[in-house]
Protein backbone atom coordinates (compact mmCIF):
# COMPACT_ATOMS: atom_id res chain seq x y z
CA MET A 1 75.59 104.87 72.46
CA SER A 2 78.13 106.21 69.96
CA THR A 3 79.20 109.71 69.16
CA ASP A 4 79.64 110.66 65.53
CA THR A 5 82.55 112.76 64.36
CA PRO A 6 82.48 115.02 61.30
CA GLU A 7 85.81 113.85 59.83
CA PRO A 8 85.28 111.13 57.21
CA ASN A 9 88.28 109.11 58.46
CA ALA A 10 87.90 109.92 62.15
CA PRO A 11 88.07 106.97 64.53
CA ALA A 12 84.97 105.36 65.93
CA ILE A 13 84.60 106.84 69.39
CA GLY A 14 81.77 105.61 71.49
CA ALA A 15 80.54 104.21 74.70
CA GLN A 16 79.01 100.87 75.44
CA SER A 17 77.62 102.19 78.66
CA GLY A 18 74.87 103.82 80.58
CA LEU A 19 76.94 106.90 81.34
CA PRO A 20 75.07 110.18 80.92
CA PRO A 21 75.51 111.68 77.43
CA GLU A 22 77.20 114.80 78.83
CA GLU A 23 79.77 112.62 80.63
CA ILE A 24 80.43 110.65 77.45
CA ASP A 25 80.88 113.92 75.54
CA ARG A 26 83.30 115.27 78.16
CA LEU A 27 85.31 112.05 78.27
CA THR A 28 85.38 111.88 74.47
CA ASP A 29 86.64 115.46 74.15
CA ASP A 30 89.27 114.95 76.85
CA ILE A 31 90.42 111.63 75.38
CA VAL A 32 90.77 113.18 71.92
CA MET A 33 92.84 116.02 73.43
CA ALA A 34 95.04 113.46 75.19
CA LEU A 35 95.51 111.52 71.94
CA LYS A 36 96.46 114.75 70.17
CA SER A 37 99.30 115.20 72.67
CA VAL A 38 101.05 112.06 71.35
CA TYR A 39 103.33 112.53 68.34
CA ASP A 40 105.20 110.12 66.14
CA PRO A 41 108.75 111.47 66.63
CA GLU A 42 109.49 111.12 62.91
CA ILE A 43 106.36 112.96 61.72
CA PRO A 44 105.38 116.51 62.77
CA SER A 45 101.73 115.64 63.36
CA ASP A 46 99.91 114.00 66.24
CA ILE A 47 98.69 110.41 66.05
CA TYR A 48 95.02 111.40 66.08
CA GLU A 49 95.33 113.69 63.05
CA LEU A 50 97.52 111.11 61.30
CA GLY A 51 94.63 108.65 61.55
CA LEU A 52 96.50 106.11 63.67
CA ILE A 53 93.59 105.75 66.11
CA TYR A 54 90.97 103.38 64.72
CA ARG A 55 88.58 102.94 67.68
CA VAL A 56 88.00 104.22 71.20
CA GLU A 57 85.40 102.60 73.48
CA ILE A 58 84.37 103.72 76.96
CA ASP A 59 82.50 101.29 79.23
CA ASP A 60 80.23 101.83 82.26
CA ASP A 61 83.20 101.84 84.62
CA ARG A 62 85.08 104.39 82.51
CA ASN A 63 87.55 101.81 81.23
CA VAL A 64 88.86 102.84 77.82
CA ALA A 65 89.85 100.43 75.02
CA ILE A 66 91.78 101.86 72.07
CA ASP A 67 92.60 100.20 68.75
CA MET A 68 95.47 101.88 66.98
CA THR A 69 98.02 101.29 64.27
CA LEU A 70 101.33 102.68 63.10
CA THR A 71 102.29 104.24 59.79
CA ALA A 72 104.38 101.11 59.14
CA PRO A 73 104.82 97.81 61.03
CA GLY A 74 108.58 98.46 61.27
CA CYS A 75 108.13 101.86 62.92
CA PRO A 76 111.10 102.45 65.27
CA VAL A 77 108.78 103.40 68.17
CA ALA A 78 106.38 100.46 67.69
CA GLY A 79 107.21 99.09 71.13
CA GLU A 80 106.90 102.46 72.87
CA MET A 81 103.98 104.27 71.25
CA PRO A 82 101.18 102.14 72.79
CA GLY A 83 102.59 103.04 76.22
CA TRP A 84 102.63 106.72 75.30
CA VAL A 85 98.98 106.48 74.26
CA GLU A 86 98.04 104.57 77.42
CA ASN A 87 99.79 107.12 79.65
CA ALA A 88 98.22 110.10 77.87
CA VAL A 89 94.66 108.74 78.10
CA ALA A 90 95.14 107.43 81.66
CA GLY A 91 95.72 111.06 82.67
CA VAL A 92 92.19 112.07 81.65
CA ALA A 93 90.02 112.83 84.67
CA GLY A 94 87.52 110.04 85.27
CA VAL A 95 89.27 107.36 83.20
CA GLN A 96 89.77 104.25 85.31
CA SER A 97 91.95 102.14 83.02
CA VAL A 98 93.27 102.11 79.47
CA THR A 99 93.96 99.18 77.17
CA VAL A 100 95.74 99.85 73.88
CA ASN A 101 95.46 97.20 71.16
CA MET A 102 97.84 97.42 68.21
CA THR A 103 96.43 96.34 64.85
CA PHE A 104 97.58 96.48 61.26
CA ASP A 105 94.20 95.52 59.84
CA PRO A 106 93.37 97.55 57.92
CA PRO A 107 96.85 98.81 57.13
CA TRP A 108 97.30 102.55 57.59
CA ASP A 109 97.52 104.71 54.49
CA GLN A 110 97.63 108.43 53.84
CA SER A 111 93.91 108.63 53.15
CA ARG A 112 93.33 108.31 56.92
CA MET A 113 95.08 111.63 57.62
CA SER A 114 93.04 114.72 58.48
CA ASP A 115 93.36 117.93 56.49
CA GLU A 116 95.31 119.35 59.44
CA ALA A 117 97.92 116.58 59.14
CA ARG A 118 98.09 117.03 55.36
CA VAL A 119 98.83 120.72 55.81
CA ALA A 120 101.49 120.01 58.47
CA LEU A 121 103.16 117.50 56.19
CA ASP A 122 102.62 119.51 52.97
CA MET A 123 100.83 116.55 51.39
CA TRP A 124 98.27 118.10 49.07
């Protein structure tokens, strides 16, 4: 089962599980809120709105796998940000474990940013 999000560049968030739909919805909402608490220290917008999260999967045992990227491969916090994401999502009630996979395929570009991030960064 997968949940659809209204944003055209929103990450794929879904569950490959038999969890009840209401539990998947709760976990999804709470995971998105946790992701929105993580900021790139050089950019005044959270990583979710920046479009750095490509995929979130939740399995039957409430293990969460996240594919994410950075605005640039040479980002100064490249070694730290996956840990920040893991810690934020691990704090969500019901989540058993979190695995964060860093990818640069496809490379991030500004088209992945939400309107909220564009406003925060004055990028219209």
